[in-house]
Amino acid sequence: MISFGAALGSVALGVIFLPIDPWLRAFLAVSVLYTVTTAFGLAKCLRDRQEIVSMASRVDQARLDKLISEHDPYKVDTL
């Protein structure tokens, strides 16, 4: 979080102190904000996808554990 704050702060200071027209400065500030919000959205989507894969893996593992625990190799099937 410290690294993110330092990076965002340094970009903000760079945009503020650029010797350019205020309209260009505002465009750059909006562009930086858009990039940051998009990065947060992407991180959230990737986290959600990883959780879904992890949950499916845990369900499959639970099914396998149940099958293994119920299996008795010495049981004789009678008809």
Protein backbone atom coordinates (compact mmCIF):
# COMPACT_ATOMS: atom_id res chain seq x y z
CA MET A 1 0.00 0.00 0.00
CA ILE A 2 2.92 2.32 0.71
CA SER A 3 4.35 1.62 -2.74
CA PHE A 4 1.00 2.33 -4.39
CA GLY A 5 0.60 5.59 -2.46
CA ALA A 6 4.13 6.69 -3.35
CA ALA A 7 3.62 5.92 -7.04
CA LEU A 8 0.26 7.68 -7.22
CA GLY A 9 1.59 10.66 -5.27
CA SER A 10 4.64 11.05 -7.48
CA VAL A 11 2.51 10.90 -10.64
CA ALA A 12 0.11 13.46 -9.15
CA LEU A 13 2.99 15.80 -8.29
CA GLY A 14 4.44 15.32 -11.76
CA VAL A 15 1.13 16.24 -13.38
CA ILE A 16 0.66 19.25 -11.08
CA PHE A 17 4.11 20.71 -11.74
CA LEU A 18 4.23 20.11 -15.49
CA PRO A 19 4.73 23.37 -17.41
CA ILE A 20 1.66 22.85 -19.60
CA ASP A 21 -1.79 24.30 -20.16
CA PRO A 22 -4.39 23.60 -17.41
CA TRP A 23 -6.58 21.68 -19.89
CA LEU A 24 -3.75 19.29 -20.67
CA ARG A 25 -3.01 18.95 -16.96
CA ALA A 26 -6.66 18.09 -16.28
CA PHE A 27 -6.63 15.54 -19.12
CA LEU A 28 -3.55 13.86 -17.66
CA ALA A 29 -5.08 13.82 -14.17
CA VAL A 30 -8.28 12.20 -15.47
CA SER A 31 -6.19 9.70 -17.45
CA VAL A 32 -4.24 8.71 -14.33
CA LEU A 33 -7.46 8.31 -12.33
CA TYR A 34 -8.96 6.17 -15.11
CA THR A 35 -5.86 3.99 -15.19
CA VAL A 36 -5.93 3.50 -11.42
CA THR A 37 -9.64 2.61 -11.31
CA THR A 38 -9.20 0.22 -14.23
CA ALA A 39 -6.31 -1.47 -12.43
CA PHE A 40 -8.48 -1.94 -9.34
CA GLY A 41 -11.28 -3.39 -11.47
CA LEU A 42 -8.90 -5.79 -13.19
CA ALA A 43 -7.41 -6.90 -9.87
CA LYS A 44 -10.90 -7.57 -8.50
CA CYS A 45 -11.87 -9.63 -11.57
CA LEU A 46 -8.69 -11.69 -11.35
CA ARG A 47 -9.23 -12.26 -7.62
CA ASP A 48 -12.82 -13.37 -8.20
CA ARG A 49 -11.75 -15.77 -10.97
CA GLN A 50 -9.05 -17.25 -8.74
CA GLU A 51 -11.56 -17.74 -5.92
CA ILE A 52 -13.96 -19.55 -8.28
CA VAL A 53 -11.21 -21.87 -9.50
CA SER A 54 -10.07 -22.46 -5.93
CA MET A 55 -13.61 -23.22 -4.77
CA ALA A 56 -14.20 -25.67 -7.63
CA SER A 57 -10.92 -27.37 -6.78
CA ARG A 58 -11.94 -27.69 -3.13
CA VAL A 59 -15.32 -29.18 -4.10
CA ASP A 60 -13.62 -31.71 -6.37
CA GLN A 61 -11.15 -32.56 -3.62
CA ALA A 62 -13.99 -33.07 -1.11
CA ARG A 63 -15.77 -35.42 -3.53
CA LEU A 64 -12.59 -37.40 -4.06
CA ASP A 65 -11.96 -37.60 -0.31
CA LYS A 66 -15.51 -38.88 0.23
CA LEU A 67 -15.12 -41.55 -2.46
CA ILE A 68 -11.79 -42.67 -1.03
CA SER A 69 -13.12 -42.81 2.52
CA GLU A 70 -16.16 -44.87 1.43
CA HIS A 71 -14.13 -47.29 -0.68
CA ASP A 72 -13.26 -50.58 1.03
CA PRO A 73 -10.85 -52.66 -1.06
CA TYR A 74 -11.56 -55.78 1.03
CA LYS A 75 -15.32 -55.67 0.64
CA VAL A 76 -16.74 -58.49 -1.43
CA ASP A 77 -19.67 -57.63 -3.64
CA THR A 78 -22.38 -60.28 -3.50
CA LEU A 79 -25.20 -60.61 -5.97
